[in-house]
Amino acid sequence: MSEAIEPMLRLAPVVPVLVIEDRQMAVPLARALVAGGLPLLEITLRTSQALAVIEAIAAEVEGAVVGAGTVLTPAQLHAAAAAGARFAVSPGATEDLLDAAADGAVPLLPGTATPSDVMRLLGRGYRCMKFFPAGPAGGPAYLEALASPLPEARFCPTGGINAATAPAYLALPNVLCVGGSWVAPKDAVLAGDWARIEALARAAAALPR
């Protein structure tokens, strides 16, 4: 799983985490983000349109590597794969979900928040994990503290991260990228301000790591 997903997580320093209510917005939004240098897109399964959005982006946006977020069950994992998702992200990691991912067609980025979570996932063969919710769970200082006892683990922190706080995470050796929604503000999406979103994506893509 880590061998499959790690190259994706290295594509850009920021993974846009997107909640898309209107399928018609999906393709132009994805094109703006990809044009700005953020090809890895996480479409959260929090709306009735999410699977249709994944399908549309996978079919129509050149250069996009689209995945499903907020994957909670094996059924959602299989549905995301059928829609064209190339990866899946979960806020946690149940045994049922890990078992399904082991036999599935797309790699899973499972969620962690404690050393025990990390140890369990390492034992299941996962090197790459989501750290969630990053801000409330302890932020960069917490992840820095995990690096010494758990050096194999690599993280994509998500939750409460913005343009101001992202650099502190990206400076850590055990962080591959961060997830965030600030690159696609709701007002800009509703207004169809793709130029603004592309500019935000370009700034995010330029963050050092």
Protein backbone atom coordinates (compact mmCIF):
# COMPACT_ATOMS: atom_id res chain seq x y z
CA MET A 1 0.00 0.00 0.00
CA SER A 2 2.72 2.48 0.92
CA GLU A 3 4.67 1.63 -2.21
CA ALA A 4 1.64 2.51 -4.30
CA ILE A 5 0.55 5.69 -2.54
CA GLU A 6 3.84 7.32 -1.54
CA PRO A 7 4.72 8.51 -5.09
CA MET A 8 1.29 10.16 -5.26
CA LEU A 9 1.84 11.94 -1.95
CA ARG A 10 5.14 13.29 -3.26
CA LEU A 11 3.53 14.94 -6.30
CA ALA A 12 2.92 18.25 -4.49
CA PRO A 13 3.24 19.64 -0.97
CA VAL A 14 -0.52 20.18 -0.61
CA VAL A 15 -3.46 17.88 -1.28
CA PRO A 16 -6.67 19.88 -1.77
CA VAL A 17 -9.44 18.40 0.38
CA LEU A 18 -12.66 19.18 -1.44
CA VAL A 19 -16.32 19.01 -0.45
CA ILE A 20 -18.19 19.51 -3.72
CA GLU A 21 -21.95 19.96 -3.64
CA ASP A 22 -22.46 20.73 -7.34
CA ARG A 23 -21.11 18.33 -9.93
CA GLN A 24 -21.02 21.14 -12.50
CA MET A 25 -18.30 22.87 -10.48
CA ALA A 26 -16.08 19.79 -10.28
CA VAL A 27 -14.26 19.84 -13.60
CA PRO A 28 -13.38 23.57 -13.77
CA LEU A 29 -12.33 23.49 -10.10
CA ALA A 30 -10.09 20.49 -10.68
CA ARG A 31 -8.59 22.06 -13.80
CA ALA A 32 -7.74 25.23 -11.87
CA LEU A 33 -6.04 23.28 -9.10
CA VAL A 34 -4.08 21.11 -11.52
CA ALA A 35 -3.05 24.18 -13.53
CA GLY A 36 -1.76 25.70 -10.30
CA GLY A 37 0.43 22.68 -9.63
CA LEU A 38 -1.73 20.57 -7.30
CA PRO A 39 -2.62 17.37 -9.20
CA LEU A 40 -3.54 15.15 -6.23
CA LEU A 41 -7.18 15.86 -5.34
CA GLU A 42 -9.16 14.37 -2.45
CA ILE A 43 -12.93 14.44 -3.00
CA THR A 44 -14.61 13.78 0.31
CA LEU A 45 -17.58 11.41 0.35
CA ARG A 46 -19.69 13.88 2.30
CA THR A 47 -22.14 14.84 -0.43
CA SER A 48 -24.58 12.99 -2.66
CA GLN A 49 -22.56 14.15 -5.68
CA ALA A 50 -19.16 12.91 -4.52
CA LEU A 51 -18.94 9.73 -6.59
CA ALA A 52 -20.20 11.52 -9.70
CA VAL A 53 -17.61 14.23 -9.08
CA ILE A 54 -14.82 11.66 -8.88
CA GLU A 55 -16.03 10.04 -12.08
CA ALA A 56 -16.17 13.37 -13.93
CA ILE A 57 -12.71 14.51 -12.83
CA ALA A 58 -11.17 11.13 -13.62
CA ALA A 59 -12.64 11.22 -17.11
CA GLU A 60 -12.22 14.87 -18.03
CA VAL A 61 -9.29 16.50 -16.21
CA GLU A 62 -5.93 15.75 -17.72
CA GLY A 63 -3.18 15.47 -15.14
CA ALA A 64 -5.51 15.03 -12.17
CA VAL A 65 -4.91 12.19 -9.73
CA VAL A 66 -8.30 12.02 -8.07
CA GLY A 67 -9.11 10.12 -4.90
CA ALA A 68 -11.89 9.68 -2.37
CA GLY A 69 -11.77 11.06 1.15
CA THR A 70 -13.83 10.32 4.26
CA VAL A 71 -13.93 6.65 3.26
CA LEU A 72 -15.40 4.86 6.28
CA THR A 73 -16.56 1.46 5.04
CA PRO A 74 -15.54 -1.28 2.62
CA ALA A 75 -18.62 -0.45 0.53
CA GLN A 76 -17.48 3.15 0.14
CA LEU A 77 -13.99 1.99 -0.77
CA HIS A 78 -15.31 -0.26 -3.52
CA ALA A 79 -17.69 2.43 -4.80
CA ALA A 80 -14.86 4.97 -4.96
CA ALA A 81 -12.71 2.57 -6.95
CA ALA A 82 -15.58 1.90 -9.35
CA ALA A 83 -16.00 5.65 -9.87
CA GLY A 84 -12.37 6.01 -10.92
CA ALA A 85 -10.64 6.99 -7.69
CA ARG A 86 -6.92 6.23 -7.74
CA PHE A 87 -6.52 6.38 -3.96
CA ALA A 88 -8.68 6.54 -0.85
CA VAL A 89 -8.31 8.39 2.45
CA SER A 90 -9.92 7.57 5.78
CA PRO A 91 -9.99 9.58 9.03
CA GLY A 92 -9.26 6.37 10.92
CA ALA A 93 -8.59 2.69 10.33
CA THR A 94 -11.00 -0.09 11.23
CA GLU A 95 -10.00 -3.70 10.71
CA ASP A 96 -12.83 -4.16 8.18
CA LEU A 97 -11.59 -1.22 6.11
CA LEU A 98 -7.97 -2.37 6.24
CA ASP A 99 -9.00 -5.88 5.20
CA ALA A 100 -10.99 -4.50 2.27
CA ALA A 101 -8.08 -2.30 1.21
CA ALA A 102 -5.73 -5.26 1.28
CA ASP A 103 -7.85 -6.93 -1.39
CA GLY A 104 -8.90 -3.74 -3.16
CA ALA A 105 -7.94 -1.99 -6.35
CA VAL A 106 -6.88 1.37 -4.86
CA PRO A 107 -4.33 2.18 -2.14
CA LEU A 108 -5.62 3.49 1.17
CA LEU A 109 -4.20 6.32 3.28
CA PRO A 110 -5.53 5.38 6.73
CA GLY A 111 -5.95 7.87 9.53
CA THR A 112 -3.91 7.94 12.74
CA ALA A 113 -3.89 10.10 15.86
CA THR A 114 -1.85 8.15 18.44
CA PRO A 115 1.38 6.13 18.64
CA SER A 116 -0.72 2.98 19.04
CA ASP A 117 -2.52 3.77 15.78
CA VAL A 118 0.81 4.22 14.03
CA MET A 119 2.24 0.97 15.44
CA ARG A 120 -0.86 -0.98 14.40
CA LEU A 121 -0.70 0.37 10.85
CA LEU A 122 3.02 -0.27 10.56
CA GLY A 123 2.25 -3.83 11.59
CA ARG A 124 -0.28 -4.06 8.77
CA GLY A 125 2.31 -2.91 6.25
CA TYR A 126 1.42 0.77 6.05
CA ARG A 127 4.26 3.27 6.00
CA CYS A 128 2.19 6.25 4.84
CA MET A 129 -0.66 7.52 7.01
CA LYS A 130 -2.97 10.47 7.44
CA PHE A 131 -2.52 12.36 10.70
CA PHE A 132 -5.97 13.60 11.69
CA PRO A 133 -7.19 15.91 13.08
CA ALA A 134 -3.75 17.46 12.85
CA GLY A 135 -4.34 20.70 14.73
CA PRO A 136 -6.41 19.39 17.66
CA ALA A 137 -4.29 16.22 17.90
CA GLY A 138 -1.09 18.12 18.64
CA GLY A 139 0.16 19.79 15.47
CA PRO A 140 3.77 19.86 14.24
CA ALA A 141 5.24 19.38 17.71
CA TYR A 142 3.35 16.11 18.12
CA LEU A 143 4.50 14.78 14.75
CA GLU A 144 8.07 15.81 15.48
CA ALA A 145 7.90 13.82 18.72
CA LEU A 146 6.74 10.71 16.81
CA ALA A 147 9.71 10.79 14.45
CA SER A 148 12.26 9.36 16.86
CA PRO A 149 10.39 6.31 18.22
CA LEU A 150 8.54 5.63 14.94
CA PRO A 151 11.01 6.61 12.21
CA GLU A 152 9.44 4.44 9.49
CA ALA A 153 6.13 6.28 9.49
CA ARG A 154 5.37 9.05 7.01
CA PHE A 155 2.38 11.36 7.33
CA CYS A 156 -0.05 13.58 5.47
CA PRO A 157 -1.42 15.83 8.25
CA THR A 158 -4.95 17.11 7.64
CA GLY A 159 -7.37 19.09 9.76
CA GLY A 160 -7.07 22.74 10.72
CA ILE A 161 -4.14 23.41 8.38
CA ASN A 162 -3.94 26.60 6.33
CA ALA A 163 -1.39 28.58 4.34
CA ALA A 164 0.12 30.02 7.52
CA THR A 165 0.51 26.74 9.40
CA ALA A 166 1.40 24.39 6.52
CA PRO A 167 5.13 25.30 6.40
CA ALA A 168 5.72 24.10 9.98
CA TYR A 169 4.38 20.66 9.05
CA LEU A 170 6.19 20.48 5.72
CA ALA A 171 9.51 21.23 7.41
CA LEU A 172 9.32 17.91 9.30
CA PRO A 173 11.21 14.93 7.85
CA ASN A 174 8.31 12.54 8.49
CA VAL A 175 5.77 14.68 6.61
CA LEU A 176 5.29 14.03 2.89
CA CYS A 177 2.55 16.60 2.25
CA VAL A 178 -0.40 18.24 3.98
CA GLY A 179 -4.10 18.19 3.23
CA GLY A 180 -6.13 21.38 3.27
CA SER A 181 -9.16 23.16 1.91
CA TRP A 182 -7.81 26.71 1.90
CA VAL A 183 -6.79 26.45 -1.77
CA ALA A 184 -10.46 26.22 -2.80
CA PRO A 185 -12.42 28.72 -0.67
CA LYS A 186 -16.16 28.22 -0.79
CA ASP A 187 -16.85 31.76 -1.95
CA ALA A 188 -14.40 31.43 -4.84
CA VAL A 189 -15.91 28.09 -5.90
CA LEU A 190 -19.46 29.45 -5.81
CA ALA A 191 -18.38 32.50 -7.81
CA GLY A 192 -16.52 30.39 -10.35
CA ASP A 193 -13.38 32.40 -9.64
CA TRP A 194 -11.03 29.83 -11.10
CA ALA A 195 -8.22 32.35 -11.55
CA ARG A 196 -8.16 32.99 -7.80
CA ILE A 197 -8.15 29.28 -7.06
CA GLU A 198 -5.34 28.68 -9.54
CA ALA A 199 -3.32 31.43 -7.86
CA LEU A 200 -3.89 29.90 -4.42
CA ALA A 201 -2.88 26.51 -5.78
CA ARG A 202 0.27 27.95 -7.33
CA ALA A 203 1.28 29.49 -3.99
CA ALA A 204 0.62 26.20 -2.20
CA ALA A 205 2.57 24.23 -4.78
CA ALA A 206 5.57 26.48 -4.17
CA LEU A 207 5.74 25.72 -0.44
CA PRO A 208 9.11 24.15 0.45
CA ARG A 209 9.36 20.70 1.95
